């Protein structure tokens, strides 16, 4: 727990075993046993601060099967508070690792979100990179409210091992939380720019930039308003300090 937000310690070499252990199991007849869906949260610093407050997002994080840090500030904060070392994941690399694990099992994926042209190219690139991974459906992100029940039902019927969602769906990751009880028991993962990266519309940060925790600089060039995130960053540092002091 970091500032009352749960985080999972998952070394990369243990990820395949953990993913396989979390996937829905089958009974002796080969029928998938019904169990709760497996939400995966890739947690940024700003998400961590949001998850500290009461509300739907906190419940979404608390109920997730895996909460993995993507921010260097979270990893350093956890080490400062607890002395424990957390593995940090680059979102795109994590998704590649997850799809690789699922391909070995010849599992299935459903794509939800993004523009139609981006989603088509994403599907093409995933099919060429992971030929044994079956994409069992896709729907672009501009979902009208009246279409939502039919889309949820379609996802439930094809029962994908992974629902991969990107920006464009109403409510972002909270769309998953809102429809959780109506979906199947596979993994669900929301990642904002994922489809744009798959479709080569956006570049992901280099390994060097990510390792040094400098990816936010590039985001600020694209959107100068993100410079105001310096204030929640200062708030985070103060929270760490006061929690550390008063825990002694």
C-alpha atoms as a PDB file:
ATOM      1  CA  UNK A   1       0.000   0.000   0.000  1.00  0.00           C
ATOM      2  CA  UNK A   2       1.319   3.437  -0.956  1.00  0.00           C
ATOM      3  CA  UNK A   3      -0.669   6.361   0.448  1.00  0.00           C
ATOM      4  CA  UNK A   4      -3.600   3.948   0.895  1.00  0.00           C
ATOM      5  CA  UNK A   5      -3.465   2.794  -2.723  1.00  0.00           C
ATOM      6  CA  UNK A   6      -2.624  -0.890  -3.456  1.00  0.00           C
ATOM      7  CA  UNK A   7       0.287  -1.756  -5.739  1.00  0.00           C
ATOM      8  CA  UNK A   8       1.448  -5.157  -6.934  1.00  0.00           C
ATOM      9  CA  UNK A   9       5.089  -6.205  -6.921  1.00  0.00           C
ATOM     10  CA  UNK A  10       5.451  -8.186 -10.151  1.00  0.00           C
ATOM     11  CA  UNK A  11       8.999  -8.792 -11.416  1.00  0.00           C
ATOM     12  CA  UNK A  12       8.952  -9.090 -15.242  1.00  0.00           C
ATOM     13  CA  UNK A  13      10.277 -12.647 -15.124  1.00  0.00           C
ATOM     14  CA  UNK A  14       7.285 -13.686 -12.992  1.00  0.00           C
ATOM     15  CA  UNK A  15       4.676 -12.005 -15.194  1.00  0.00           C
ATOM     16  CA  UNK A  16       3.862 -15.075 -17.388  1.00  0.00           C
ATOM     17  CA  UNK A  17       3.179 -17.294 -14.365  1.00  0.00           C
ATOM     18  CA  UNK A  18       1.046 -14.614 -12.699  1.00  0.00           C
ATOM     19  CA  UNK A  19      -0.997 -13.936 -15.853  1.00  0.00           C
ATOM     20  CA  UNK A  20      -1.600 -17.663 -16.389  1.00  0.00           C
ATOM     21  CA  UNK A  21      -2.673 -18.104 -12.770  1.00  0.00           C
ATOM     22  CA  UNK A  22      -5.208 -15.283 -13.073  1.00  0.00           C
ATOM     23  CA  UNK A  23      -6.856 -16.461 -16.286  1.00  0.00           C
ATOM     24  CA  UNK A  24     -10.247 -18.175 -15.938  1.00  0.00           C
ATOM     25  CA  UNK A  25      -9.886 -21.882 -15.255  1.00  0.00           C
ATOM     26  CA  UNK A  26     -11.848 -24.727 -16.853  1.00  0.00           C
ATOM     27  CA  UNK A  27     -13.751 -27.547 -15.216  1.00  0.00           C
ATOM     28  CA  UNK A  28     -13.353 -31.218 -16.186  1.00  0.00           C
ATOM     29  CA  UNK A  29     -15.768 -30.880 -19.107  1.00  0.00           C
ATOM     30  CA  UNK A  30     -13.729 -28.066 -20.652  1.00  0.00           C
ATOM     31  CA  UNK A  31     -16.295 -25.406 -19.750  1.00  0.00           C
ATOM     32  CA  UNK A  32     -14.870 -22.100 -18.572  1.00  0.00           C
ATOM     33  CA  UNK A  33     -15.745 -21.621 -14.920  1.00  0.00           C
ATOM     34  CA  UNK A  34     -17.501 -18.346 -14.256  1.00  0.00           C
ATOM     35  CA  UNK A  35     -15.473 -16.046 -12.095  1.00  0.00           C
ATOM     36  CA  UNK A  36     -14.967 -12.343 -11.666  1.00  0.00           C
ATOM     37  CA  UNK A  37     -13.249 -10.440 -14.463  1.00  0.00           C
ATOM     38  CA  UNK A  38      -9.608  -9.527 -14.135  1.00  0.00           C
ATOM     39  CA  UNK A  39      -9.067  -5.781 -14.445  1.00  0.00           C
ATOM     40  CA  UNK A  40      -5.463  -4.670 -14.957  1.00  0.00           C
ATOM     41  CA  UNK A  41      -4.572  -1.099 -14.010  1.00  0.00           C
ATOM     42  CA  UNK A  42      -1.413   0.595 -15.272  1.00  0.00           C
ATOM     43  CA  UNK A  43      -1.106   3.271 -12.606  1.00  0.00           C
ATOM     44  CA  UNK A  44       0.470   6.674 -13.200  1.00  0.00           C
ATOM     45  CA  UNK A  45       1.258   9.155 -10.444  1.00  0.00           C
ATOM     46  CA  UNK A  46      -1.827  11.186 -11.314  1.00  0.00           C
ATOM     47  CA  UNK A  47      -3.959   8.043 -11.178  1.00  0.00           C
ATOM     48  CA  UNK A  48      -2.532   7.215  -7.751  1.00  0.00           C
ATOM     49  CA  UNK A  49      -3.552  10.628  -6.424  1.00  0.00           C
ATOM     50  CA  UNK A  50      -7.006  10.175  -7.971  1.00  0.00           C
ATOM     51  CA  UNK A  51      -7.330   6.709  -6.407  1.00  0.00           C
ATOM     52  CA  UNK A  52      -6.782   8.155  -2.918  1.00  0.00           C
ATOM     53  CA  UNK A  53     -10.171   9.857  -3.069  1.00  0.00           C
ATOM     54  CA  UNK A  54     -13.489   8.129  -2.568  1.00  0.00           C
ATOM     55  CA  UNK A  55     -15.418   7.322  -5.678  1.00  0.00           C
ATOM     56  CA  UNK A  56     -15.703   5.087  -8.710  1.00  0.00           C
ATOM     57  CA  UNK A  57     -12.047   5.259  -9.704  1.00  0.00           C
ATOM     58  CA  UNK A  58     -10.820   4.249  -6.252  1.00  0.00           C
ATOM     59  CA  UNK A  59     -13.239   1.295  -6.253  1.00  0.00           C
ATOM     60  CA  UNK A  60     -11.972   0.352  -9.725  1.00  0.00           C
ATOM     61  CA  UNK A  61      -8.360   0.284  -8.491  1.00  0.00           C
ATOM     62  CA  UNK A  62      -9.182  -1.514  -5.234  1.00  0.00           C
ATOM     63  CA  UNK A  63     -11.011  -4.253  -7.142  1.00  0.00           C
ATOM     64  CA  UNK A  64      -8.341  -4.792  -9.819  1.00  0.00           C
ATOM     65  CA  UNK A  65      -6.506  -8.084 -10.188  1.00  0.00           C
ATOM     66  CA  UNK A  66      -3.242  -6.270 -10.912  1.00  0.00           C
ATOM     67  CA  UNK A  67      -2.183  -2.681 -10.207  1.00  0.00           C
ATOM     68  CA  UNK A  68       1.184  -2.016 -11.813  1.00  0.00           C
ATOM     69  CA  UNK A  69       3.118   1.262 -11.572  1.00  0.00           C
ATOM     70  CA  UNK A  70       4.164   3.048 -14.753  1.00  0.00           C
ATOM     71  CA  UNK A  71       5.544   6.156 -13.032  1.00  0.00           C
ATOM     72  CA  UNK A  72       9.101   6.440 -11.715  1.00  0.00           C
ATOM     73  CA  UNK A  73       7.777   8.685  -8.928  1.00  0.00           C
ATOM     74  CA  UNK A  74       5.572   5.838  -7.644  1.00  0.00           C
ATOM     75  CA  UNK A  75       8.493   3.400  -7.578  1.00  0.00           C
ATOM     76  CA  UNK A  76      10.778   5.868  -5.789  1.00  0.00           C
ATOM     77  CA  UNK A  77       7.957   6.809  -3.393  1.00  0.00           C
ATOM     78  CA  UNK A  78       7.355   3.158  -2.504  1.00  0.00           C
ATOM     79  CA  UNK A  79      11.062   2.648  -1.872  1.00  0.00           C
ATOM     80  CA  UNK A  80      11.143   5.779   0.338  1.00  0.00           C
ATOM     81  CA  UNK A  81       8.107   4.694   2.350  1.00  0.00           C
ATOM     82  CA  UNK A  82       8.636   0.944   2.636  1.00  0.00           C
ATOM     83  CA  UNK A  83      12.130   0.115   1.381  1.00  0.00           C
ATOM     84  CA  UNK A  84      10.585  -2.283  -1.132  1.00  0.00           C
ATOM     85  CA  UNK A  85      11.478  -2.294  -4.811  1.00  0.00           C
ATOM     86  CA  UNK A  86       8.631  -2.336  -7.335  1.00  0.00           C
ATOM     87  CA  UNK A  87       8.940  -3.284 -10.983  1.00  0.00           C
ATOM     88  CA  UNK A  88       7.927  -0.418 -13.256  1.00  0.00           C
ATOM     89  CA  UNK A  89       6.308  -1.102 -16.615  1.00  0.00           C
ATOM     90  CA  UNK A  90       6.230   0.921 -19.813  1.00  0.00           C
ATOM     91  CA  UNK A  91       2.575   0.612 -20.956  1.00  0.00           C
ATOM     92  CA  UNK A  92       3.297  -0.406 -24.561  1.00  0.00           C
ATOM     93  CA  UNK A  93       5.946  -2.938 -23.538  1.00  0.00           C
ATOM     94  CA  UNK A  94       3.606  -4.388 -20.930  1.00  0.00           C
ATOM     95  CA  UNK A  95       0.870  -4.884 -23.525  1.00  0.00           C
ATOM     96  CA  UNK A  96       3.352  -6.584 -25.868  1.00  0.00           C
ATOM     97  CA  UNK A  97       4.365  -8.922 -23.026  1.00  0.00           C
ATOM     98  CA  UNK A  98       0.720  -9.636 -22.213  1.00  0.00           C
ATOM     99  CA  UNK A  99      -0.169 -10.369 -25.853  1.00  0.00           C
ATOM    100  CA  UNK A 100       2.879 -12.643 -26.125  1.00  0.00           C
ATOM    101  CA  UNK A 101       1.701 -14.643 -23.114  1.00  0.00           C
ATOM    102  CA  UNK A 102      -1.829 -14.895 -24.502  1.00  0.00           C
ATOM    103  CA  UNK A 103      -0.589 -15.905 -27.956  1.00  0.00           C
ATOM    104  CA  UNK A 104       1.242 -18.895 -26.477  1.00  0.00           C
ATOM    105  CA  UNK A 105      -2.132 -20.060 -25.189  1.00  0.00           C
ATOM    106  CA  UNK A 106      -3.818 -19.228 -28.541  1.00  0.00           C
ATOM    107  CA  UNK A 107      -6.192 -16.932 -26.654  1.00  0.00           C
ATOM    108  CA  UNK A 108      -8.498 -14.175 -27.904  1.00  0.00           C
ATOM    109  CA  UNK A 109      -8.662 -10.370 -27.830  1.00  0.00           C
ATOM    110  CA  UNK A 110     -11.413  -7.804 -28.359  1.00  0.00           C
ATOM    111  CA  UNK A 111     -10.431  -4.239 -29.347  1.00  0.00           C
ATOM    112  CA  UNK A 112     -12.547  -1.328 -28.118  1.00  0.00           C
ATOM    113  CA  UNK A 113     -11.927   2.385 -28.646  1.00  0.00           C
ATOM    114  CA  UNK A 114      -9.992   4.646 -30.978  1.00  0.00           C
ATOM    115  CA  UNK A 115     -10.913   5.818 -34.475  1.00  0.00           C
ATOM    116  CA  UNK A 116     -12.066   3.270 -37.038  1.00  0.00           C
ATOM    117  CA  UNK A 117      -9.023   3.740 -39.288  1.00  0.00           C
ATOM    118  CA  UNK A 118      -6.656   3.448 -36.310  1.00  0.00           C
ATOM    119  CA  UNK A 119      -8.429   0.350 -35.033  1.00  0.00           C
ATOM    120  CA  UNK A 120      -8.214  -1.364 -38.445  1.00  0.00           C
ATOM    121  CA  UNK A 121      -4.466  -0.760 -38.643  1.00  0.00           C
ATOM    122  CA  UNK A 122      -4.042  -1.865 -35.024  1.00  0.00           C
ATOM    123  CA  UNK A 123      -5.837  -5.123 -35.802  1.00  0.00           C
ATOM    124  CA  UNK A 124      -3.686  -5.678 -38.883  1.00  0.00           C
ATOM    125  CA  UNK A 125      -0.442  -5.070 -36.961  1.00  0.00           C
ATOM    126  CA  UNK A 126      -1.476  -7.312 -34.056  1.00  0.00           C
ATOM    127  CA  UNK A 127      -2.465 -10.089 -36.471  1.00  0.00           C
ATOM    128  CA  UNK A 128       0.890  -9.909 -38.247  1.00  0.00           C
ATOM    129  CA  UNK A 129       2.904  -9.800 -34.998  1.00  0.00           C
ATOM    130  CA  UNK A 130       0.852 -12.352 -33.060  1.00  0.00           C
ATOM    131  CA  UNK A 131      -0.555 -14.747 -35.697  1.00  0.00           C
ATOM    132  CA  UNK A 132      -1.863 -17.299 -33.165  1.00  0.00           C
ATOM    133  CA  UNK A 133      -3.729 -14.631 -31.189  1.00  0.00           C
ATOM    134  CA  UNK A 134      -7.302 -14.368 -32.448  1.00  0.00           C
ATOM    135  CA  UNK A 135      -9.032 -10.985 -32.540  1.00  0.00           C
ATOM    136  CA  UNK A 136     -12.693 -11.859 -32.047  1.00  0.00           C
ATOM    137  CA  UNK A 137     -14.165  -8.390 -32.453  1.00  0.00           C
ATOM    138  CA  UNK A 138     -13.578  -4.653 -32.501  1.00  0.00           C
ATOM    139  CA  UNK A 139     -15.598  -1.488 -32.113  1.00  0.00           C
ATOM    140  CA  UNK A 140     -14.444   2.106 -32.502  1.00  0.00           C
ATOM    141  CA  UNK A 141     -14.616   4.459 -29.536  1.00  0.00           C
ATOM    142  CA  UNK A 142     -17.452   6.753 -30.560  1.00  0.00           C
ATOM    143  CA  UNK A 143     -20.114   4.663 -28.804  1.00  0.00           C
ATOM    144  CA  UNK A 144     -23.610   6.135 -28.597  1.00  0.00           C
ATOM    145  CA  UNK A 145     -25.424   5.492 -25.355  1.00  0.00           C
ATOM    146  CA  UNK A 146     -28.113   3.419 -27.056  1.00  0.00           C
ATOM    147  CA  UNK A 147     -25.435   1.188 -28.660  1.00  0.00           C
ATOM    148  CA  UNK A 148     -23.721   0.379 -25.379  1.00  0.00           C
ATOM    149  CA  UNK A 149     -25.910  -2.572 -24.251  1.00  0.00           C
ATOM    150  CA  UNK A 150     -25.460  -4.328 -27.609  1.00  0.00           C
ATOM    151  CA  UNK A 151     -21.679  -3.846 -27.524  1.00  0.00           C
ATOM    152  CA  UNK A 152     -21.439  -5.149 -23.956  1.00  0.00           C
ATOM    153  CA  UNK A 153     -23.522  -8.178 -24.929  1.00  0.00           C
ATOM    154  CA  UNK A 154     -21.336  -8.811 -27.999  1.00  0.00           C
ATOM    155  CA  UNK A 155     -18.200  -8.755 -25.846  1.00  0.00           C
ATOM    156  CA  UNK A 156     -19.813 -11.078 -23.311  1.00  0.00           C
ATOM    157  CA  UNK A 157     -20.828 -13.569 -26.023  1.00  0.00           C
ATOM    158  CA  UNK A 158     -17.414 -13.812 -27.718  1.00  0.00           C
ATOM    159  CA  UNK A 159     -15.843 -13.982 -24.222  1.00  0.00           C
ATOM    160  CA  UNK A 160     -12.341 -12.669 -25.051  1.00  0.00           C
ATOM    161  CA  UNK A 161      -9.359 -13.537 -22.884  1.00  0.00           C
ATOM    162  CA  UNK A 162      -8.505  -9.828 -23.044  1.00  0.00           C
ATOM    163  CA  UNK A 163     -10.633  -6.749 -23.626  1.00  0.00           C
ATOM    164  CA  UNK A 164      -8.151  -4.132 -24.800  1.00  0.00           C
ATOM    165  CA  UNK A 165      -9.667  -0.643 -24.569  1.00  0.00           C
ATOM    166  CA  UNK A 166      -8.305   2.741 -25.593  1.00  0.00           C
ATOM    167  CA  UNK A 167      -9.325   6.367 -25.543  1.00  0.00           C
ATOM    168  CA  UNK A 168     -12.591   7.370 -27.130  1.00  0.00           C
ATOM    169  CA  UNK A 169     -14.947   5.226 -25.086  1.00  0.00           C
ATOM    170  CA  UNK A 170     -17.244   7.192 -22.806  1.00  0.00           C
ATOM    171  CA  UNK A 171     -15.743   7.365 -19.327  1.00  0.00           C
ATOM    172  CA  UNK A 172     -12.362   5.905 -20.328  1.00  0.00           C
ATOM    173  CA  UNK A 173     -11.367   3.154 -17.866  1.00  0.00           C
ATOM    174  CA  UNK A 174     -14.531   3.790 -15.865  1.00  0.00           C
ATOM    175  CA  UNK A 175     -16.459   2.345 -18.817  1.00  0.00           C
ATOM    176  CA  UNK A 176     -14.984  -0.994 -17.770  1.00  0.00           C
ATOM    177  CA  UNK A 177     -15.955  -0.400 -14.148  1.00  0.00           C
ATOM    178  CA  UNK A 178     -19.470   0.636 -15.124  1.00  0.00           C
ATOM    179  CA  UNK A 179     -20.075  -2.489 -17.218  1.00  0.00           C
ATOM    180  CA  UNK A 180     -18.001  -4.916 -15.169  1.00  0.00           C
ATOM    181  CA  UNK A 181     -20.832  -7.163 -14.051  1.00  0.00           C
ATOM    182  CA  UNK A 182     -22.108  -7.588 -17.629  1.00  0.00           C
ATOM    183  CA  UNK A 183     -18.779  -8.527 -19.228  1.00  0.00           C
ATOM    184  CA  UNK A 184     -17.086 -11.925 -19.304  1.00  0.00           C
ATOM    185  CA  UNK A 185     -14.415 -13.177 -16.919  1.00  0.00           C
ATOM    186  CA  UNK A 186     -11.311 -12.362 -19.001  1.00  0.00           C
ATOM    187  CA  UNK A 187      -8.777  -9.608 -18.514  1.00  0.00           C
ATOM    188  CA  UNK A 188      -9.719  -5.963 -19.133  1.00  0.00           C
ATOM    189  CA  UNK A 189      -7.074  -3.306 -19.743  1.00  0.00           C
ATOM    190  CA  UNK A 190      -7.469   0.361 -20.628  1.00  0.00           C
ATOM    191  CA  UNK A 191      -4.523   2.304 -22.021  1.00  0.00           C
ATOM    192  CA  UNK A 192      -5.134   5.767 -23.464  1.00  0.00           C
ATOM    193  CA  UNK A 193      -2.833   6.073 -26.525  1.00  0.00           C
ATOM    194  CA  UNK A 194      -2.231   2.395 -27.102  1.00  0.00           C
ATOM    195  CA  UNK A 195      -4.033   2.039 -30.429  1.00  0.00           C
ATOM    196  CA  UNK A 196      -2.355   5.166 -31.829  1.00  0.00           C
ATOM    197  CA  UNK A 197       1.034   3.621 -31.012  1.00  0.00           C
ATOM    198  CA  UNK A 198       0.053   0.269 -32.560  1.00  0.00           C
ATOM    199  CA  UNK A 199      -1.167   2.098 -35.670  1.00  0.00           C
ATOM    200  CA  UNK A 200       2.078   4.134 -35.780  1.00  0.00           C
ATOM    201  CA  UNK A 201       0.208   7.416 -35.348  1.00  0.00           C
ATOM    202  CA  UNK A 202       2.166   8.237 -32.196  1.00  0.00           C
ATOM    203  CA  UNK A 203       5.624   7.320 -31.006  1.00  0.00           C
ATOM    204  CA  UNK A 204       6.172   5.789 -27.610  1.00  0.00           C
ATOM    205  CA  UNK A 205       8.953   7.186 -25.389  1.00  0.00           C
ATOM    206  CA  UNK A 206      12.384   5.687 -25.929  1.00  0.00           C
ATOM    207  CA  UNK A 207      13.679   3.205 -23.365  1.00  0.00           C
ATOM    208  CA  UNK A 208      16.277   5.739 -22.178  1.00  0.00           C
ATOM    209  CA  UNK A 209      13.703   8.486 -21.644  1.00  0.00           C
ATOM    210  CA  UNK A 210      11.362   6.094 -19.845  1.00  0.00           C
ATOM    211  CA  UNK A 211      14.049   4.619 -17.578  1.00  0.00           C
ATOM    212  CA  UNK A 212      15.048   8.137 -16.527  1.00  0.00           C
ATOM    213  CA  UNK A 213      11.421   9.131 -15.890  1.00  0.00           C
ATOM    214  CA  UNK A 214      11.499  11.946 -18.455  1.00  0.00           C
ATOM    215  CA  UNK A 215       8.508  10.907 -20.578  1.00  0.00           C
ATOM    216  CA  UNK A 216       6.383  13.707 -19.082  1.00  0.00           C
ATOM    217  CA  UNK A 217       8.561  16.302 -20.823  1.00  0.00           C
ATOM    218  CA  UNK A 218       7.477  15.033 -24.229  1.00  0.00           C
ATOM    219  CA  UNK A 219       3.836  15.037 -23.159  1.00  0.00           C
ATOM    220  CA  UNK A 220       4.173  18.678 -22.034  1.00  0.00           C
ATOM    221  CA  UNK A 221       5.460  19.676 -25.486  1.00  0.00           C
ATOM    222  CA  UNK A 222       2.327  18.142 -26.990  1.00  0.00           C
ATOM    223  CA  UNK A 223       0.040  19.685 -24.365  1.00  0.00           C
ATOM    224  CA  UNK A 224       1.508  22.656 -22.417  1.00  0.00           C
ATOM    225  CA  UNK A 225      -1.375  22.507 -19.923  1.00  0.00           C
ATOM    226  CA  UNK A 226       0.291  19.408 -18.460  1.00  0.00           C
ATOM    227  CA  UNK A 227       2.901  21.742 -16.969  1.00  0.00           C
ATOM    228  CA  UNK A 228       0.356  22.414 -14.232  1.00  0.00           C
ATOM    229  CA  UNK A 229       0.911  18.834 -13.046  1.00  0.00           C
ATOM    230  CA  UNK A 230       3.855  20.242 -11.103  1.00  0.00           C
ATOM    231  CA  UNK A 231       1.358  21.151  -8.371  1.00  0.00           C
ATOM    232  CA  UNK A 232      -0.016  17.603  -7.767  1.00  0.00           C
ATOM    233  CA  UNK A 233       3.590  16.380  -7.995  1.00  0.00           C
ATOM    234  CA  UNK A 234       4.535  18.720  -5.138  1.00  0.00           C
ATOM    235  CA  UNK A 235       1.433  17.541  -3.256  1.00  0.00           C
ATOM    236  CA  UNK A 236       2.592  13.935  -3.705  1.00  0.00           C
ATOM    237  CA  UNK A 237       6.053  14.679  -2.330  1.00  0.00           C
ATOM    238  CA  UNK A 238       4.554  16.433   0.698  1.00  0.00           C
ATOM    239  CA  UNK A 239       2.186  13.510   1.317  1.00  0.00           C
ATOM    240  CA  UNK A 240       5.102  11.080   1.265  1.00  0.00           C
ATOM    241  CA  UNK A 241       7.056  13.229   3.705  1.00  0.00           C
ATOM    242  CA  UNK A 242       4.215  13.654   6.200  1.00  0.00           C
ATOM    243  CA  UNK A 243       3.173   9.985   6.041  1.00  0.00           C
ATOM    244  CA  UNK A 244       6.780   8.957   6.614  1.00  0.00           C
ATOM    245  CA  UNK A 245       7.218  11.334   9.557  1.00  0.00           C
ATOM    246  CA  UNK A 246       3.993  10.383  11.301  1.00  0.00           C
ATOM    247  CA  UNK A 247       4.540   6.649  10.780  1.00  0.00           C
ATOM    248  CA  UNK A 248       7.747   6.749  12.844  1.00  0.00           C
END
